[in-house]
Amino acid sequence: MANKLTGWSGPRVDDLAGIQKICDEVKSKLEEWTGKTYVDYKAVLYRSQLETGVNYVIKVYCGVEDYIHLCLVRRSPEGYLRVLHVEQQRMKESPLFTF
């Protein structure tokens, strides 16, 4: 399998408050896409890549051993935030890769 993490940070747990704010911005869109309502919704791990903005892959805890992985892009600090992809039914142990 090719390494899809070129230029990406290692798994990080620093600044989770800032990452949580990003996740909160897309929560309603995510609930619309997945057809689920997330009561528990907490960023627990992320990777980032600086390009013409910042790309993120974020592991989000959704309750009782349920996790999702979000792939997002933000083009500037105040710019738009776009959800590129969502992986559902992930586990705590699921590695956090780009997709």
C-alpha atoms as a PDB file:
ATOM      1  CA  MET A   1       0.000   0.000   0.000  1.00  0.00           C
ATOM      2  CA  ALA A   2       1.403   3.405  -0.935  1.00  0.00           C
ATOM      3  CA  ASN A   3       2.139   5.877   1.838  1.00  0.00           C
ATOM      4  CA  LYS A   4      -0.604   8.472   1.568  1.00  0.00           C
ATOM      5  CA  LEU A   5       0.811  10.644   4.372  1.00  0.00           C
ATOM      6  CA  THR A   6       3.511  12.572   2.523  1.00  0.00           C
ATOM      7  CA  GLY A   7       3.709  16.048   4.012  1.00  0.00           C
ATOM      8  CA  TRP A   8       1.222  15.234   6.774  1.00  0.00           C
ATOM      9  CA  SER A   9       1.937  15.698  10.464  1.00  0.00           C
ATOM     10  CA  GLY A  10       2.088  12.683  12.706  1.00  0.00           C
ATOM     11  CA  PRO A  11      -0.980  11.936  14.824  1.00  0.00           C
ATOM     12  CA  ARG A  12      -1.487  14.894  17.163  1.00  0.00           C
ATOM     13  CA  VAL A  13      -3.461  15.578  20.304  1.00  0.00           C
ATOM     14  CA  ASP A  14      -2.310  19.160  20.901  1.00  0.00           C
ATOM     15  CA  ASP A  15      -4.769  22.028  20.269  1.00  0.00           C
ATOM     16  CA  LEU A  16      -7.784  19.730  20.357  1.00  0.00           C
ATOM     17  CA  ALA A  17      -9.898  22.716  21.474  1.00  0.00           C
ATOM     18  CA  GLY A  18      -9.126  24.414  18.145  1.00  0.00           C
ATOM     19  CA  ILE A  19      -9.759  21.194  16.230  1.00  0.00           C
ATOM     20  CA  GLN A  20     -13.046  20.725  18.102  1.00  0.00           C
ATOM     21  CA  LYS A  21     -14.177  24.173  16.896  1.00  0.00           C
ATOM     22  CA  ILE A  22     -13.486  23.056  13.321  1.00  0.00           C
ATOM     23  CA  CYS A  23     -15.481  19.851  13.881  1.00  0.00           C
ATOM     24  CA  ASP A  24     -18.352  21.840  15.383  1.00  0.00           C
ATOM     25  CA  GLU A  25     -18.502  23.987  12.238  1.00  0.00           C
ATOM     26  CA  VAL A  26     -19.296  20.942  10.102  1.00  0.00           C
ATOM     27  CA  LYS A  27     -21.411  18.944  12.565  1.00  0.00           C
ATOM     28  CA  SER A  28     -24.807  19.847  11.077  1.00  0.00           C
ATOM     29  CA  LYS A  29     -23.596  19.049   7.538  1.00  0.00           C
ATOM     30  CA  LEU A  30     -22.169  15.762   8.777  1.00  0.00           C
ATOM     31  CA  GLU A  31     -25.455  14.834  10.472  1.00  0.00           C
ATOM     32  CA  GLU A  32     -27.267  15.641   7.240  1.00  0.00           C
ATOM     33  CA  TRP A  33     -24.888  13.442   5.206  1.00  0.00           C
ATOM     34  CA  THR A  34     -24.938  10.477   7.576  1.00  0.00           C
ATOM     35  CA  GLY A  35     -28.576  10.697   8.676  1.00  0.00           C
ATOM     36  CA  LYS A  36     -27.445  10.480  12.307  1.00  0.00           C
ATOM     37  CA  THR A  37     -27.630  12.838  15.274  1.00  0.00           C
ATOM     38  CA  TYR A  38     -24.386  12.978  17.226  1.00  0.00           C
ATOM     39  CA  VAL A  39     -24.895  13.600  20.954  1.00  0.00           C
ATOM     40  CA  ASP A  40     -21.313  12.631  21.751  1.00  0.00           C
ATOM     41  CA  TYR A  41     -19.043  14.402  19.279  1.00  0.00           C
ATOM     42  CA  LYS A  42     -15.472  14.977  20.405  1.00  0.00           C
ATOM     43  CA  ALA A  43     -12.259  15.362  18.408  1.00  0.00           C
ATOM     44  CA  VAL A  44      -9.648  13.003  19.852  1.00  0.00           C
ATOM     45  CA  LEU A  45      -6.836  12.880  17.279  1.00  0.00           C
ATOM     46  CA  TYR A  46      -5.855  14.629  14.065  1.00  0.00           C
ATOM     47  CA  ARG A  47      -3.301  15.043  11.315  1.00  0.00           C
ATOM     48  CA  SER A  48      -2.756  18.175   9.281  1.00  0.00           C
ATOM     49  CA  GLN A  49      -1.031  19.190   6.069  1.00  0.00           C
ATOM     50  CA  LEU A  50      -0.164  22.738   5.082  1.00  0.00           C
ATOM     51  CA  GLU A  51      -0.719  23.459   1.390  1.00  0.00           C
ATOM     52  CA  THR A  52      -2.715  26.371  -0.023  1.00  0.00           C
ATOM     53  CA  GLY A  53      -4.517  26.282   3.279  1.00  0.00           C
ATOM     54  CA  VAL A  54      -4.707  23.412   5.726  1.00  0.00           C
ATOM     55  CA  ASN A  55      -5.951  19.886   5.118  1.00  0.00           C
ATOM     56  CA  TYR A  56      -7.157  17.926   8.138  1.00  0.00           C
ATOM     57  CA  VAL A  57      -7.943  14.316   8.906  1.00  0.00           C
ATOM     58  CA  ILE A  58      -9.690  14.148  12.266  1.00  0.00           C
ATOM     59  CA  LYS A  59     -10.818  11.216  14.416  1.00  0.00           C
ATOM     60  CA  VAL A  60     -14.057  12.089  16.230  1.00  0.00           C
ATOM     61  CA  TYR A  61     -15.528  10.099  19.120  1.00  0.00           C
ATOM     62  CA  CYS A  62     -19.277   9.616  18.623  1.00  0.00           C
ATOM     63  CA  GLY A  63     -20.101   7.471  21.660  1.00  0.00           C
ATOM     64  CA  VAL A  64     -19.823   3.855  22.810  1.00  0.00           C
ATOM     65  CA  GLU A  65     -16.869   2.722  20.721  1.00  0.00           C
ATOM     66  CA  ASP A  66     -18.113   4.592  17.641  1.00  0.00           C
ATOM     67  CA  TYR A  67     -15.706   6.883  15.815  1.00  0.00           C
ATOM     68  CA  ILE A  68     -15.742   8.704  12.499  1.00  0.00           C
ATOM     69  CA  HIS A  69     -12.852  10.031  10.435  1.00  0.00           C
ATOM     70  CA  LEU A  70     -13.320  13.399   8.747  1.00  0.00           C
ATOM     71  CA  CYS A  71     -11.254  14.728   5.856  1.00  0.00           C
ATOM     72  CA  LEU A  72     -11.554  18.530   5.690  1.00  0.00           C
ATOM     73  CA  VAL A  73      -9.882  21.462   3.983  1.00  0.00           C
ATOM     74  CA  ARG A  74      -9.683  25.098   5.080  1.00  0.00           C
ATOM     75  CA  ARG A  75      -8.139  27.460   2.537  1.00  0.00           C
ATOM     76  CA  SER A  76      -7.377  30.336   4.945  1.00  0.00           C
ATOM     77  CA  PRO A  77      -7.779  30.939   8.698  1.00  0.00           C
ATOM     78  CA  GLU A  78     -11.054  32.783   8.097  1.00  0.00           C
ATOM     79  CA  GLY A  79     -11.901  31.018   4.839  1.00  0.00           C
ATOM     80  CA  TYR A  80     -14.390  28.338   3.965  1.00  0.00           C
ATOM     81  CA  LEU A  81     -14.249  24.904   5.522  1.00  0.00           C
ATOM     82  CA  ARG A  82     -15.143  22.011   3.248  1.00  0.00           C
ATOM     83  CA  VAL A  83     -15.822  18.385   4.128  1.00  0.00           C
ATOM     84  CA  LEU A  84     -14.141  16.207   1.535  1.00  0.00           C
ATOM     85  CA  HIS A  85     -14.930  12.764   2.901  1.00  0.00           C
ATOM     86  CA  VAL A  86     -16.351  10.950   5.924  1.00  0.00           C
ATOM     87  CA  GLU A  87     -15.504   7.420   7.054  1.00  0.00           C
ATOM     88  CA  GLN A  88     -18.043   5.937   9.448  1.00  0.00           C
ATOM     89  CA  GLN A  89     -17.870   2.926  11.752  1.00  0.00           C
ATOM     90  CA  ARG A  90     -14.253   3.445  12.731  1.00  0.00           C
ATOM     91  CA  MET A  91     -12.859   2.187  16.051  1.00  0.00           C
ATOM     92  CA  LYS A  92     -10.548   3.726  18.629  1.00  0.00           C
ATOM     93  CA  GLU A  93      -7.720   1.567  17.247  1.00  0.00           C
ATOM     94  CA  SER A  94      -8.396   2.456  13.581  1.00  0.00           C
ATOM     95  CA  PRO A  95      -5.320   4.176  12.121  1.00  0.00           C
ATOM     96  CA  LEU A  96      -5.842   7.746  11.011  1.00  0.00           C
ATOM     97  CA  PHE A  97      -4.821   7.994   7.351  1.00  0.00           C
ATOM     98  CA  THR A  98      -5.763  10.316   4.521  1.00  0.00           C
ATOM     99  CA  PHE A  99      -8.455   8.982   2.218  1.00  0.00           C
END
